[in-house]
Structures are given as structure tokens and as C-alpha cells.
Amino acid sequence: MSTLATLTALSWSGELPAIGHFIKADRGRTAFMIVQVIEPKRPCGYVARFRCERHSPASLPADAIVHPWRWSKR
């Protein structure tokens, strides 16, 4: 079993993605399938954390819901 990735959304417009949806950067080589959405219990510096499985963008089903992702500056 592969290790899950945790992506932190510092901001998000609209409704958060649901389990089974994908997030991917425009030029990304990896699509991330959401398996868990973790919202903070109290106000803090992020909107949500997504626990995700890594997938190749070429392997996504035709009917997959893919949300755009933008990586933060380091």
C-alpha cells in the first residue's frame, strides 16, 4: 500500500471537494484522489487538509471530477 499524501489548502473558493474527487495542478504530473477531508476544529491558518492517493493524470476516468490546485510559494 502506498503512503497517502497530505495537501493543505490555505484558501479555497466555493465548496470543498468531496471524497473521490481529484485535485491537480495545471501542469502537474500527479493527480491526487481525495480519501479524507480534514477541516480544522477552530480557526487557524488553513481551510482544510486533504489526505490523498497519488494517481497518473492519464489514468483518470473520463467522468472524474478534477478540481484545480495551485501550489503555494515556498
Protein backbone atom coordinates (compact mmCIF):
# COMPACT_ATOMS: atom_id res chain seq x y z
CA MET A 1 0.00 0.00 0.00
CA SER A 2 1.37 3.40 -0.94
CA THR A 3 1.72 6.24 1.52
CA LEU A 4 -1.01 8.85 1.45
CA ALA A 5 -0.08 12.46 0.71
CA THR A 6 -1.43 15.30 2.83
CA LEU A 7 -2.16 18.52 0.96
CA THR A 8 -3.07 21.65 2.93
CA ALA A 9 -5.44 24.18 1.36
CA LEU A 10 -4.60 27.64 2.68
CA SER A 11 -7.63 29.05 0.88
CA TRP A 12 -10.48 27.63 -1.20
CA SER A 13 -13.22 29.21 -3.31
CA GLY A 14 -16.61 27.53 -3.14
CA GLU A 15 -17.49 24.16 -1.69
CA LEU A 16 -14.65 21.86 -0.64
CA PRO A 17 -14.04 18.78 -2.80
CA ALA A 18 -15.62 15.51 -1.71
CA ILE A 19 -14.08 12.10 -1.16
CA GLY A 20 -13.40 10.51 -4.55
CA HIS A 21 -12.80 13.83 -6.31
CA PHE A 22 -9.36 14.66 -7.69
CA ILE A 23 -7.18 17.74 -7.34
CA LYS A 24 -4.45 18.55 -9.85
CA ALA A 25 -2.24 21.48 -10.78
CA ASP A 26 -2.48 22.71 -14.40
CA ARG A 27 0.96 21.39 -15.32
CA GLY A 28 1.06 18.70 -12.65
CA ARG A 29 2.45 15.22 -13.28
CA THR A 30 0.32 13.80 -10.47
CA ALA A 31 -3.41 13.87 -9.78
CA PHE A 32 -4.44 13.39 -6.15
CA MET A 33 -7.61 11.44 -5.30
CA ILE A 34 -9.11 12.63 -2.04
CA VAL A 35 -9.73 9.89 0.51
CA GLN A 36 -10.27 12.14 3.55
CA VAL A 37 -11.09 15.82 4.10
CA ILE A 38 -9.93 17.21 7.45
CA GLU A 39 -11.36 20.58 8.44
CA PRO A 40 -9.85 22.43 11.42
CA LYS A 41 -11.84 22.36 14.65
CA ARG A 42 -11.14 26.06 15.29
CA PRO A 43 -10.00 28.98 13.13
CA CYS A 44 -6.38 28.66 12.05
CA GLY A 45 -4.10 29.30 9.06
CA TYR A 46 -5.69 26.78 6.68
CA VAL A 47 -9.13 25.86 5.34
CA ALA A 48 -8.75 22.08 5.07
CA ARG A 49 -6.27 19.25 4.73
CA PHE A 50 -6.77 16.57 2.12
CA ARG A 51 -5.44 13.03 2.58
CA CYS A 52 -4.87 11.77 -0.95
CA GLU A 53 -3.74 8.86 -3.08
CA ARG A 54 -1.39 9.69 -5.95
CA HIS A 55 -2.52 8.82 -9.50
CA SER A 56 -1.24 9.40 -13.01
CA PRO A 57 -3.38 12.01 -14.80
CA ALA A 58 -3.56 9.64 -17.80
CA SER A 59 -5.29 7.01 -15.65
CA LEU A 60 -8.19 9.23 -14.53
CA PRO A 61 -11.65 8.08 -15.59
CA ALA A 62 -13.41 10.20 -18.22
CA ASP A 63 -16.10 11.21 -15.72
CA ALA A 64 -13.66 12.16 -12.93
CA ILE A 65 -14.29 15.43 -11.10
CA VAL A 66 -10.97 17.30 -11.06
CA HIS A 67 -10.53 20.47 -9.01
CA PRO A 68 -7.72 22.90 -9.86
CA TRP A 69 -4.82 23.06 -7.41
CA ARG A 70 -2.22 25.78 -7.02
CA TRP A 71 0.94 25.11 -5.04
CA SER A 72 1.99 27.76 -2.52
CA LYS A 73 5.26 29.59 -2.87
CA ARG A 74 7.94 28.18 -0.60
